[in-house]
Amino acid sequence: MIYTSGTTGLPKAANVSHHRIMMWSHWFAGLTDMRGDDRMYNCLPMYHSVGGIVAVGAALVNGGSAVLQERFSARQFWDDVARWDCTLFQYIGELCRYLRRSAAASG
């Protein structure tokens, strides 16, 4: 079960098959050209399809690794990416705008 984001109503559970999870994982790994030496930084909720399936699954299907952060922090984001030697990160929605705003605010 995954949970929808609620953009068109309240969040709700959706049943996703193992086959579909593997399809999404291989699709995203191919889209990002993810390799075995890549490390995916993921600060998205694990109950959502992007954070819990696409980001992690794409890293794992090609032998890479995933760094899981408990919650998003615009202030800590780039320090975490550098500290864990991440080569990729997964984002949704406004995450990049929050990073830009945080960078502008810090000078």
PDB file of N, CA and C in Angstrom:
ATOM      1  N   MET A   1       0.832  -1.174   0.000  1.00  0.00           N
ATOM      2  CA  MET A   1       0.000   0.000   0.000  1.00  0.00           C
ATOM      3  C   MET A   1       0.883   1.245   0.000  1.00  0.00           C
ATOM      4  N   ILE A   2       0.508   2.209  -0.818  1.00  0.00           N
ATOM      5  CA  ILE A   2       1.125   3.536  -0.785  1.00  0.00           C
ATOM      6  C   ILE A   2       0.009   4.534  -0.542  1.00  0.00           C
ATOM      7  N   TYR A   3       0.368   5.749  -0.247  1.00  0.00           N
ATOM      8  CA  TYR A   3      -0.626   6.784  -0.019  1.00  0.00           C
ATOM      9  C   TYR A   3      -0.481   7.874  -1.056  1.00  0.00           C
ATOM     10  N   THR A   4      -1.600   8.283  -1.620  1.00  0.00           N
ATOM     11  CA  THR A   4      -1.589   9.360  -2.600  1.00  0.00           C
ATOM     12  C   THR A   4      -1.319  10.671  -1.878  1.00  0.00           C
ATOM     13  N   SER A   5      -0.909  11.681  -2.616  1.00  0.00           N
ATOM     14  CA  SER A   5      -0.543  12.955  -2.011  1.00  0.00           C
ATOM     15  C   SER A   5      -1.738  13.772  -1.572  1.00  0.00           C
ATOM     16  N   GLY A   6      -2.906  13.501  -2.102  1.00  0.00           N
ATOM     17  CA  GLY A   6      -4.082  14.254  -1.725  1.00  0.00           C
ATOM     18  C   GLY A   6      -4.287  15.516  -2.543  1.00  0.00           C
ATOM     19  N   THR A   7      -3.606  15.642  -3.674  1.00  0.00           N
ATOM     20  CA  THR A   7      -3.751  16.853  -4.483  1.00  0.00           C
ATOM     21  C   THR A   7      -5.146  17.004  -5.064  1.00  0.00           C
ATOM     22  N   THR A   8      -5.848  15.918  -5.266  1.00  0.00           N
ATOM     23  CA  THR A   8      -7.203  16.000  -5.815  1.00  0.00           C
ATOM     24  C   THR A   8      -8.256  15.618  -4.782  1.00  0.00           C
ATOM     25  N   GLY A   9      -7.912  15.666  -3.537  1.00  0.00           N
ATOM     26  CA  GLY A   9      -8.812  15.285  -2.449  1.00  0.00           C
ATOM     27  C   GLY A   9      -7.980  14.831  -1.273  1.00  0.00           C
ATOM     28  N   LEU A  10      -8.592  14.128  -0.363  1.00  0.00           N
ATOM     29  CA  LEU A  10      -7.867  13.636   0.801  1.00  0.00           C
ATOM     30  C   LEU A  10      -6.888  12.526   0.398  1.00  0.00           C
ATOM     31  N   PRO A  11      -5.745  12.411   1.103  1.00  0.00           N
ATOM     32  CA  PRO A  11      -4.838  11.297   0.832  1.00  0.00           C
ATOM     33  C   PRO A  11      -5.565   9.970   1.042  1.00  0.00           C
ATOM     34  N   LYS A  12      -5.237   9.000   0.211  1.00  0.00           N
ATOM     35  CA  LYS A  12      -5.888   7.695   0.333  1.00  0.00           C
ATOM     36  C   LYS A  12      -4.897   6.593  -0.013  1.00  0.00           C
ATOM     37  N   ALA A  13      -5.153   5.407   0.518  1.00  0.00           N
ATOM     38  CA  ALA A  13      -4.290   4.261   0.266  1.00  0.00           C
ATOM     39  C   ALA A  13      -4.560   3.708  -1.128  1.00  0.00           C
ATOM     40  N   ALA A  14      -3.492   3.248  -1.783  1.00  0.00           N
ATOM     41  CA  ALA A  14      -3.614   2.618  -3.094  1.00  0.00           C
ATOM     42  C   ALA A  14      -2.784   1.334  -3.083  1.00  0.00           C
ATOM     43  N   ASN A  15      -3.348   0.267  -3.600  1.00  0.00           N
ATOM     44  CA  ASN A  15      -2.660  -1.010  -3.675  1.00  0.00           C
ATOM     45  C   ASN A  15      -1.773  -1.025  -4.922  1.00  0.00           C
ATOM     46  N   VAL A  16      -0.478  -1.316  -4.742  1.00  0.00           N
ATOM     47  CA  VAL A  16       0.469  -1.344  -5.852  1.00  0.00           C
ATOM     48  C   VAL A  16       1.140  -2.714  -5.865  1.00  0.00           C
ATOM     49  N   SER A  17       1.114  -3.370  -7.004  1.00  0.00           N
ATOM     50  CA  SER A  17       1.685  -4.713  -7.111  1.00  0.00           C
ATOM     51  C   SER A  17       3.219  -4.669  -7.118  1.00  0.00           C
ATOM     52  N   HIS A  18       3.821  -5.794  -6.764  1.00  0.00           N
ATOM     53  CA  HIS A  18       5.273  -5.925  -6.804  1.00  0.00           C
ATOM     54  C   HIS A  18       5.796  -5.697  -8.223  1.00  0.00           C
ATOM     55  N   HIS A  19       5.087  -6.209  -9.210  1.00  0.00           N
ATOM     56  CA  HIS A  19       5.474  -6.016 -10.612  1.00  0.00           C
ATOM     57  C   HIS A  19       5.539  -4.531 -10.962  1.00  0.00           C
ATOM     58  N   ARG A  20       4.552  -3.772 -10.543  1.00  0.00           N
ATOM     59  CA  ARG A  20       4.540  -2.334 -10.831  1.00  0.00           C
ATOM     60  C   ARG A  20       5.681  -1.622 -10.100  1.00  0.00           C
ATOM     61  N   ILE A  21       5.954  -2.020  -8.877  1.00  0.00           N
ATOM     62  CA  ILE A  21       7.068  -1.420  -8.130  1.00  0.00           C
ATOM     63  C   ILE A  21       8.383  -1.651  -8.876  1.00  0.00           C
ATOM     64  N   MET A  22       8.585  -2.857  -9.367  1.00  0.00           N
ATOM     65  CA  MET A  22       9.806  -3.160 -10.114  1.00  0.00           C
ATOM     66  C   MET A  22       9.856  -2.375 -11.423  1.00  0.00           C
ATOM     67  N   MET A  23       8.727  -2.230 -12.096  1.00  0.00           N
ATOM     68  CA  MET A  23       8.690  -1.431 -13.333  1.00  0.00           C
ATOM     69  C   MET A  23       9.078   0.010 -13.053  1.00  0.00           C
ATOM     70  N   TRP A  24       8.497   0.613 -12.009  1.00  0.00           N
ATOM     71  CA  TRP A  24       8.820   1.994 -11.654  1.00  0.00           C
ATOM     72  C   TRP A  24      10.303   2.136 -11.318  1.00  0.00           C
ATOM     73  N   SER A  25      10.828   1.182 -10.555  1.00  0.00           N
ATOM     74  CA  SER A  25      12.227   1.241 -10.133  1.00  0.00           C
ATOM     75  C   SER A  25      13.177   1.166 -11.323  1.00  0.00           C
ATOM     76  N   HIS A  26      12.950   0.234 -12.222  1.00  0.00           N
ATOM     77  CA  HIS A  26      13.800   0.114 -13.413  1.00  0.00           C
ATOM     78  C   HIS A  26      13.638   1.318 -14.336  1.00  0.00           C
ATOM     79  N   TRP A  27      12.425   1.823 -14.463  1.00  0.00           N
ATOM     80  CA  TRP A  27      12.173   3.004 -15.304  1.00  0.00           C
ATOM     81  C   TRP A  27      12.972   4.198 -14.792  1.00  0.00           C
ATOM     82  N   PHE A  28      12.902   4.457 -13.492  1.00  0.00           N
ATOM     83  CA  PHE A  28      13.585   5.628 -12.960  1.00  0.00           C
ATOM     84  C   PHE A  28      15.098   5.444 -12.970  1.00  0.00           C
ATOM     85  N   ALA A  29      15.571   4.230 -12.727  1.00  0.00           N
ATOM     86  CA  ALA A  29      17.016   3.959 -12.802  1.00  0.00           C
ATOM     87  C   ALA A  29      17.522   4.233 -14.208  1.00  0.00           C
ATOM     88  N   GLY A  30      16.754   3.834 -15.215  1.00  0.00           N
ATOM     89  CA  GLY A  30      17.144   4.107 -16.599  1.00  0.00           C
ATOM     90  C   GLY A  30      17.061   5.584 -16.933  1.00  0.00           C
ATOM     91  N   LEU A  31      16.031   6.241 -16.449  1.00  0.00           N
ATOM     92  CA  LEU A  31      15.846   7.668 -16.707  1.00  0.00           C
ATOM     93  C   LEU A  31      17.000   8.496 -16.150  1.00  0.00           C
ATOM     94  N   THR A  32      17.486   8.129 -14.979  1.00  0.00           N
ATOM     95  CA  THR A  32      18.570   8.881 -14.329  1.00  0.00           C
ATOM     96  C   THR A  32      19.950   8.325 -14.651  1.00  0.00           C
ATOM     97  N   ASP A  33      20.009   7.238 -15.431  1.00  0.00           N
ATOM     98  CA  ASP A  33      21.272   6.564 -15.743  1.00  0.00           C
ATOM     99  C   ASP A  33      22.012   6.172 -14.464  1.00  0.00           C
ATOM    100  N   MET A  34      21.263   5.691 -13.482  1.00  0.00           N
ATOM    101  CA  MET A  34      21.823   5.328 -12.201  1.00  0.00           C
ATOM    102  C   MET A  34      22.731   4.106 -12.332  1.00  0.00           C
ATOM    103  N   ARG A  35      23.876   4.180 -11.678  1.00  0.00           N
ATOM    104  CA  ARG A  35      24.892   3.121 -11.728  1.00  0.00           C
ATOM    105  C   ARG A  35      25.094   2.532 -10.329  1.00  0.00           C
ATOM    106  N   GLY A  36      25.851   1.469 -10.275  1.00  0.00           N
ATOM    107  CA  GLY A  36      26.127   0.810  -9.008  1.00  0.00           C
ATOM    108  C   GLY A  36      26.900   1.654  -8.011  1.00  0.00           C
ATOM    109  N   ASP A  37      27.660   2.637  -8.495  1.00  0.00           N
ATOM    110  CA  ASP A  37      28.427   3.480  -7.575  1.00  0.00           C
ATOM    111  C   ASP A  37      27.687   4.762  -7.201  1.00  0.00           C
ATOM    112  N   ASP A  38      26.451   4.925  -7.642  1.00  0.00           N
ATOM    113  CA  ASP A  38      25.651   6.093  -7.276  1.00  0.00           C
ATOM    114  C   ASP A  38      25.028   5.918  -5.898  1.00  0.00           C
ATOM    115  N   ARG A  39      24.784   7.047  -5.267  1.00  0.00           N
ATOM    116  CA  ARG A  39      24.124   7.075  -3.963  1.00  0.00           C
ATOM    117  C   ARG A  39      23.002   8.108  -4.039  1.00  0.00           C
ATOM    118  N   MET A  40      21.779   7.653  -3.801  1.00  0.00           N
ATOM    119  CA  MET A  40      20.579   8.488  -3.885  1.00  0.00           C
ATOM    120  C   MET A  40      20.253   9.086  -2.514  1.00  0.00           C
ATOM    121  N   TYR A  41      20.158  10.416  -2.443  1.00  0.00           N
ATOM    122  CA  TYR A  41      19.730  11.082  -1.210  1.00  0.00           C
ATOM    123  C   TYR A  41      18.214  11.211  -1.249  1.00  0.00           C
ATOM    124  N   ASN A  42      17.561  10.716  -0.221  1.00  0.00           N
ATOM    125  CA  ASN A  42      16.104  10.702  -0.186  1.00  0.00           C
ATOM    126  C   ASN A  42      15.596  11.241   1.149  1.00  0.00           C
ATOM    127  N   CYS A  43      14.953  12.404   1.105  1.00  0.00           N
ATOM    128  CA  CYS A  43      14.376  13.005   2.310  1.00  0.00           C
ATOM    129  C   CYS A  43      12.849  13.070   2.193  1.00  0.00           C
ATOM    130  N   LEU A  44      12.304  12.235   1.325  1.00  0.00           N
ATOM    131  CA  LEU A  44      10.861  12.216   1.091  1.00  0.00           C
ATOM    132  C   LEU A  44      10.204  11.128   1.935  1.00  0.00           C
ATOM    133  N   PRO A  45       8.913  11.249   2.187  1.00  0.00           N
ATOM    134  CA  PRO A  45       8.226  10.229   2.998  1.00  0.00           C
ATOM    135  C   PRO A  45       8.274   8.850   2.345  1.00  0.00           C
ATOM    136  N   MET A  46       8.545   7.844   3.143  1.00  0.00           N
ATOM    137  CA  MET A  46       8.640   6.483   2.637  1.00  0.00           C
ATOM    138  C   MET A  46       7.275   5.890   2.294  1.00  0.00           C
ATOM    139  N   TYR A  47       6.196   6.497   2.768  1.00  0.00           N
ATOM    140  CA  TYR A  47       4.854   5.983   2.462  1.00  0.00           C
ATOM    141  C   TYR A  47       4.334   6.478   1.123  1.00  0.00           C
ATOM    142  N   HIS A  48       5.078   7.353   0.460  1.00  0.00           N
ATOM    143  CA  HIS A  48       4.671   7.885  -0.838  1.00  0.00           C
ATOM    144  C   HIS A  48       5.420   7.143  -1.942  1.00  0.00           C
ATOM    145  N   SER A  49       4.832   7.040  -3.115  1.00  0.00           N
ATOM    146  CA  SER A  49       5.447   6.263  -4.199  1.00  0.00           C
ATOM    147  C   SER A  49       6.800   6.812  -4.633  1.00  0.00           C
ATOM    148  N   VAL A  50       6.986   8.105  -4.594  1.00  0.00           N
ATOM    149  CA  VAL A  50       8.258   8.677  -5.026  1.00  0.00           C
ATOM    150  C   VAL A  50       9.359   8.413  -3.998  1.00  0.00           C
ATOM    151  N   GLY A  51       9.089   8.682  -2.737  1.00  0.00           N
ATOM    152  CA  GLY A  51      10.106   8.491  -1.702  1.00  0.00           C
ATOM    153  C   GLY A  51      10.335   7.043  -1.317  1.00  0.00           C
ATOM    154  N   GLY A  52       9.275   6.262  -1.289  1.00  0.00           N
ATOM    155  CA  GLY A  52       9.384   4.899  -0.809  1.00  0.00           C
ATOM    156  C   GLY A  52       9.615   3.855  -1.881  1.00  0.00           C
ATOM    157  N   ILE A  53       9.347   4.197  -3.126  1.00  0.00           N
ATOM    158  CA  ILE A  53       9.515   3.217  -4.198  1.00  0.00           C
ATOM    159  C   ILE A  53      10.515   3.709  -5.238  1.00  0.00           C
ATOM    160  N   VAL A  54      10.220   4.811  -5.882  1.00  0.00           N
ATOM    161  CA  VAL A  54      11.018   5.260  -7.020  1.00  0.00           C
ATOM    162  C   VAL A  54      12.455   5.596  -6.621  1.00  0.00           C
ATOM    163  N   ALA A  55      12.639   6.416  -5.609  1.00  0.00           N
ATOM    164  CA  ALA A  55      13.992   6.843  -5.225  1.00  0.00           C
ATOM    165  C   ALA A  55      14.827   5.667  -4.721  1.00  0.00           C
ATOM    166  N   VAL A  56      14.282   4.913  -3.793  1.00  0.00           N
ATOM    167  CA  VAL A  56      15.021   3.798  -3.200  1.00  0.00           C
ATOM    168  C   VAL A  56      15.153   2.647  -4.197  1.00  0.00           C
ATOM    169  N   GLY A  57      14.064   2.303  -4.856  1.00  0.00           N
ATOM    170  CA  GLY A  57      14.072   1.187  -5.800  1.00  0.00           C
ATOM    171  C   GLY A  57      15.039   1.393  -6.942  1.00  0.00           C
ATOM    172  N   ALA A  58      15.102   2.605  -7.473  1.00  0.00           N
ATOM    173  CA  ALA A  58      16.019   2.891  -8.585  1.00  0.00           C
ATOM    174  C   ALA A  58      17.465   2.662  -8.174  1.00  0.00           C
ATOM    175  N   ALA A  59      17.807   3.047  -6.963  1.00  0.00           N
ATOM    176  CA  ALA A  59      19.173   2.819  -6.490  1.00  0.00           C
ATOM    177  C   ALA A  59      19.449   1.327  -6.333  1.00  0.00           C
ATOM    178  N   LEU A  60      18.527   0.615  -5.765  1.00  0.00           N
ATOM    179  CA  LEU A  60      18.762  -0.792  -5.437  1.00  0.00           C
ATOM    180  C   LEU A  60      18.788  -1.719  -6.648  1.00  0.00           C
ATOM    181  N   VAL A  61      17.985  -1.450  -7.673  1.00  0.00           N
ATOM    182  CA  VAL A  61      17.946  -2.378  -8.814  1.00  0.00           C
ATOM    183  C   VAL A  61      19.257  -2.404  -9.592  1.00  0.00           C
ATOM    184  N   ASN A  62      20.061  -1.362  -9.482  1.00  0.00           N
ATOM    185  CA  ASN A  62      21.342  -1.340 -10.185  1.00  0.00           C
ATOM    186  C   ASN A  62      22.539  -1.457  -9.245  1.00  0.00           C
ATOM    187  N   GLY A  63      22.295  -1.858  -8.003  1.00  0.00           N
ATOM    188  CA  GLY A  63      23.392  -2.088  -7.070  1.00  0.00           C
ATOM    189  C   GLY A  63      23.887  -0.846  -6.370  1.00  0.00           C
ATOM    190  N   GLY A  64      23.190   0.274  -6.500  1.00  0.00           N
ATOM    191  CA  GLY A  64      23.580   1.497  -5.810  1.00  0.00           C
ATOM    192  C   GLY A  64      23.089   1.481  -4.376  1.00  0.00           C
ATOM    193  N   SER A  65      23.126   2.632  -3.752  1.00  0.00           N
ATOM    194  CA  SER A  65      22.653   2.727  -2.378  1.00  0.00           C
ATOM    195  C   SER A  65      21.785   3.966  -2.219  1.00  0.00           C
ATOM    196  N   ALA A  66      21.072   4.006  -1.115  1.00  0.00           N
ATOM    197  CA  ALA A  66      20.192   5.135  -0.829  1.00  0.00           C
ATOM    198  C   ALA A  66      20.461   5.625   0.579  1.00  0.00           C
ATOM    199  N   VAL A  67      20.530   6.930   0.723  1.00  0.00           N
ATOM    200  CA  VAL A  67      20.657   7.559   2.033  1.00  0.00           C
ATOM    201  C   VAL A  67      19.278   8.093   2.378  1.00  0.00           C
ATOM    202  N   LEU A  68      18.736   7.651   3.499  1.00  0.00           N
ATOM    203  CA  LEU A  68      17.401   8.053   3.920  1.00  0.00           C
ATOM    204  C   LEU A  68      17.506   9.081   5.039  1.00  0.00           C
ATOM    205  N   GLN A  69      16.923  10.231   4.806  1.00  0.00           N
ATOM    206  CA  GLN A  69      16.858  11.274   5.829  1.00  0.00           C
ATOM    207  C   GLN A  69      15.443  11.280   6.388  1.00  0.00           C
ATOM    208  N   GLU A  70      15.324  11.389   7.686  1.00  0.00           N
ATOM    209  CA  GLU A  70      14.007  11.287   8.322  1.00  0.00           C
ATOM    210  C   GLU A  70      13.035  12.358   7.854  1.00  0.00           C
ATOM    211  N   ARG A  71      13.538  13.562   7.629  1.00  0.00           N
ATOM    212  CA  ARG A  71      12.653  14.639   7.151  1.00  0.00           C
ATOM    213  C   ARG A  71      13.453  15.651   6.352  1.00  0.00           C
ATOM    214  N   PHE A  72      12.755  16.388   5.524  1.00  0.00           N
ATOM    215  CA  PHE A  72      13.377  17.409   4.683  1.00  0.00           C
ATOM    216  C   PHE A  72      13.770  18.620   5.517  1.00  0.00           C
ATOM    217  N   SER A  73      14.981  19.121   5.294  1.00  0.00           N
ATOM    218  CA  SER A  73      15.445  20.373   5.880  1.00  0.00           C
ATOM    219  C   SER A  73      16.204  21.133   4.795  1.00  0.00           C
ATOM    220  N   ALA A  74      15.658  22.264   4.378  1.00  0.00           N
ATOM    221  CA  ALA A  74      16.328  23.068   3.354  1.00  0.00           C
ATOM    222  C   ALA A  74      17.681  23.547   3.855  1.00  0.00           C
ATOM    223  N   ARG A  75      17.783  23.847   5.132  1.00  0.00           N
ATOM    224  CA  ARG A  75      19.029  24.352   5.701  1.00  0.00           C
ATOM    225  C   ARG A  75      20.123  23.285   5.716  1.00  0.00           C
ATOM    226  N   GLN A  76      19.771  22.035   5.961  1.00  0.00           N
ATOM    227  CA  GLN A  76      20.745  20.950   6.069  1.00  0.00           C
ATOM    228  C   GLN A  76      20.942  20.168   4.778  1.00  0.00           C
ATOM    229  N   PHE A  77      20.103  20.393   3.773  1.00  0.00           N
ATOM    230  CA  PHE A  77      20.051  19.552   2.583  1.00  0.00           C
ATOM    231  C   PHE A  77      21.418  19.354   1.927  1.00  0.00           C
ATOM    232  N   TRP A  78      22.075  20.422   1.504  1.00  0.00           N
ATOM    233  CA  TRP A  78      23.335  20.285   0.759  1.00  0.00           C
ATOM    234  C   TRP A  78      24.466  19.755   1.627  1.00  0.00           C
ATOM    235  N   ASP A  79      24.456  20.113   2.928  1.00  0.00           N
ATOM    236  CA  ASP A  79      25.461  19.542   3.830  1.00  0.00           C
ATOM    237  C   ASP A  79      25.284  18.031   3.939  1.00  0.00           C
ATOM    238  N   ASP A  80      24.037  17.564   4.024  1.00  0.00           N
ATOM    239  CA  ASP A  80      23.773  16.122   4.084  1.00  0.00           C
ATOM    240  C   ASP A  80      24.196  15.425   2.794  1.00  0.00           C
ATOM    241  N   VAL A  81      23.866  16.021   1.659  1.00  0.00           N
ATOM    242  CA  VAL A  81      24.244  15.433   0.364  1.00  0.00           C
ATOM    243  C   VAL A  81      25.766  15.272   0.286  1.00  0.00           C
ATOM    244  N   ALA A  82      26.496  16.303   0.684  1.00  0.00           N
ATOM    245  CA  ALA A  82      27.964  16.245   0.649  1.00  0.00           C
ATOM    246  C   ALA A  82      28.507  15.266   1.685  1.00  0.00           C
ATOM    247  N   ARG A  83      27.956  15.290   2.894  1.00  0.00           N
ATOM    248  CA  ARG A  83      28.442  14.418   3.971  1.00  0.00           C
ATOM    249  C   ARG A  83      28.315  12.943   3.614  1.00  0.00           C
ATOM    250  N   TRP A  84      27.245  12.577   2.934  1.00  0.00           N
ATOM    251  CA  TRP A  84      27.005  11.178   2.586  1.00  0.00           C
ATOM    252  C   TRP A  84      27.470  10.830   1.168  1.00  0.00           C
ATOM    253  N   ASP A  85      28.193  11.750   0.519  1.00  0.00           N
ATOM    254  CA  ASP A  85      28.726  11.518  -0.832  1.00  0.00           C
ATOM    255  C   ASP A  85      27.644  11.097  -1.829  1.00  0.00           C
ATOM    256  N   CYS A  86      26.512  11.768  -1.769  1.00  0.00           N
ATOM    257  CA  CYS A  86      25.404  11.439  -2.669  1.00  0.00           C
ATOM    258  C   CYS A  86      25.654  12.031  -4.054  1.00  0.00           C
ATOM    259  N   THR A  87      25.327  11.267  -5.069  1.00  0.00           N
ATOM    260  CA  THR A  87      25.502  11.706  -6.449  1.00  0.00           C
ATOM    261  C   THR A  87      24.169  12.099  -7.083  1.00  0.00           C
ATOM    262  N   LEU A  88      23.059  11.742  -6.450  1.00  0.00           N
ATOM    263  CA  LEU A  88      21.715  12.050  -6.941  1.00  0.00           C
ATOM    264  C   LEU A  88      20.807  12.373  -5.760  1.00  0.00           C
ATOM    265  N   PHE A  89      19.762  13.130  -6.028  1.00  0.00           N
ATOM    266  CA  PHE A  89      18.713  13.282  -5.016  1.00  0.00           C
ATOM    267  C   PHE A  89      17.367  13.263  -5.712  1.00  0.00           C
ATOM    268  N   GLN A  90      16.374  12.841  -4.956  1.00  0.00           N
ATOM    269  CA  GLN A  90      15.007  12.762  -5.467  1.00  0.00           C
ATOM    270  C   GLN A  90      14.216  13.936  -4.907  1.00  0.00           C
ATOM    271  N   TYR A  91      13.425  14.566  -5.754  1.00  0.00           N
ATOM    272  CA  TYR A  91      12.616  15.678  -5.277  1.00  0.00           C
ATOM    273  C   TYR A  91      11.191  15.544  -5.802  1.00  0.00           C
ATOM    274  N   ILE A  92      10.298  16.253  -5.142  1.00  0.00           N
ATOM    275  CA  ILE A  92       8.923  16.406  -5.621  1.00  0.00           C
ATOM    276  C   ILE A  92       8.508  17.851  -5.390  1.00  0.00           C
ATOM    277  N   GLY A  93       7.548  18.286  -6.155  1.00  0.00           N
ATOM    278  CA  GLY A  93       6.888  19.568  -5.937  1.00  0.00           C
ATOM    279  C   GLY A  93       7.807  20.749  -5.738  1.00  0.00           C
ATOM    280  N   GLU A  94       7.691  21.343  -4.586  1.00  0.00           N
ATOM    281  CA  GLU A  94       8.348  22.614  -4.296  1.00  0.00           C
ATOM    282  C   GLU A  94       9.727  22.473  -3.658  1.00  0.00           C
ATOM    283  N   LEU A  95      10.260  21.282  -3.540  1.00  0.00           N
ATOM    284  CA  LEU A  95      11.519  21.079  -2.837  1.00  0.00           C
ATOM    285  C   LEU A  95      12.637  21.975  -3.377  1.00  0.00           C
ATOM    286  N   CYS A  96      12.796  22.053  -4.684  1.00  0.00           N
ATOM    287  CA  CYS A  96      13.870  22.874  -5.262  1.00  0.00           C
ATOM    288  C   CYS A  96      13.648  24.362  -4.989  1.00  0.00           C
ATOM    289  N   ARG A  97      12.409  24.789  -4.983  1.00  0.00           N
ATOM    290  CA  ARG A  97      12.118  26.188  -4.660  1.00  0.00           C
ATOM    291  C   ARG A  97      12.501  26.486  -3.211  1.00  0.00           C
ATOM    292  N   TYR A  98      12.240  25.544  -2.295  1.00  0.00           N
ATOM    293  CA  TYR A  98      12.629  25.730  -0.896  1.00  0.00           C
ATOM    294  C   TYR A  98      14.141  25.805  -0.762  1.00  0.00           C
ATOM    295  N   LEU A  99      14.875  24.991  -1.526  1.00  0.00           N
ATOM    296  CA  LEU A  99      16.333  25.026  -1.481  1.00  0.00           C
ATOM    297  C   LEU A  99      16.848  26.373  -1.981  1.00  0.00           C
ATOM    298  N   ARG A 100      16.265  26.863  -3.057  1.00  0.00           N
ATOM    299  CA  ARG A 100      16.683  28.163  -3.594  1.00  0.00           C
ATOM    300  C   ARG A 100      16.404  29.280  -2.608  1.00  0.00           C
ATOM    301  N   ARG A 101      15.246  29.238  -1.979  1.00  0.00           N
ATOM    302  CA  ARG A 101      14.884  30.272  -0.999  1.00  0.00           C
ATOM    303  C   ARG A 101      15.827  30.221   0.194  1.00  0.00           C
ATOM    304  N   SER A 102      16.183  29.025   0.620  1.00  0.00           N
ATOM    305  CA  SER A 102      17.089  28.875   1.764  1.00  0.00           C
ATOM    306  C   SER A 102      18.472  29.421   1.418  1.00  0.00           C
ATOM    307  N   ALA A 103      18.955  29.146   0.204  1.00  0.00           N
ATOM    308  CA  ALA A 103      20.265  29.642  -0.226  1.00  0.00           C
ATOM    309  C   ALA A 103      20.274  31.167  -0.299  1.00  0.00           C
ATOM    310  N   ALA A 104      19.188  31.752  -0.799  1.00  0.00           N
ATOM    311  CA  ALA A 104      19.105  33.208  -0.908  1.00  0.00           C
ATOM    312  C   ALA A 104      19.063  33.851   0.480  1.00  0.00           C
ATOM    313  N   ALA A 105      18.399  33.201   1.424  1.00  0.00           N
ATOM    314  CA  ALA A 105      18.273  33.753   2.768  1.00  0.00           C
ATOM    315  C   ALA A 105      19.591  33.689   3.539  1.00  0.00           C
ATOM    316  N   SER A 106      20.425  32.710   3.216  1.00  0.00           N
ATOM    317  CA  SER A 106      21.686  32.565   3.954  1.00  0.00           C
ATOM    318  C   SER A 106      22.808  33.388   3.351  1.00  0.00           C
ATOM    319  N   GLY A 107      22.499  34.058   2.275  1.00  0.00           N
ATOM    320  CA  GLY A 107      23.444  35.024   1.779  1.00  0.00           C
ATOM    321  C   GLY A 107      24.153  34.713   0.554  1.00  0.00           C
TER     322      GLY A 107
END
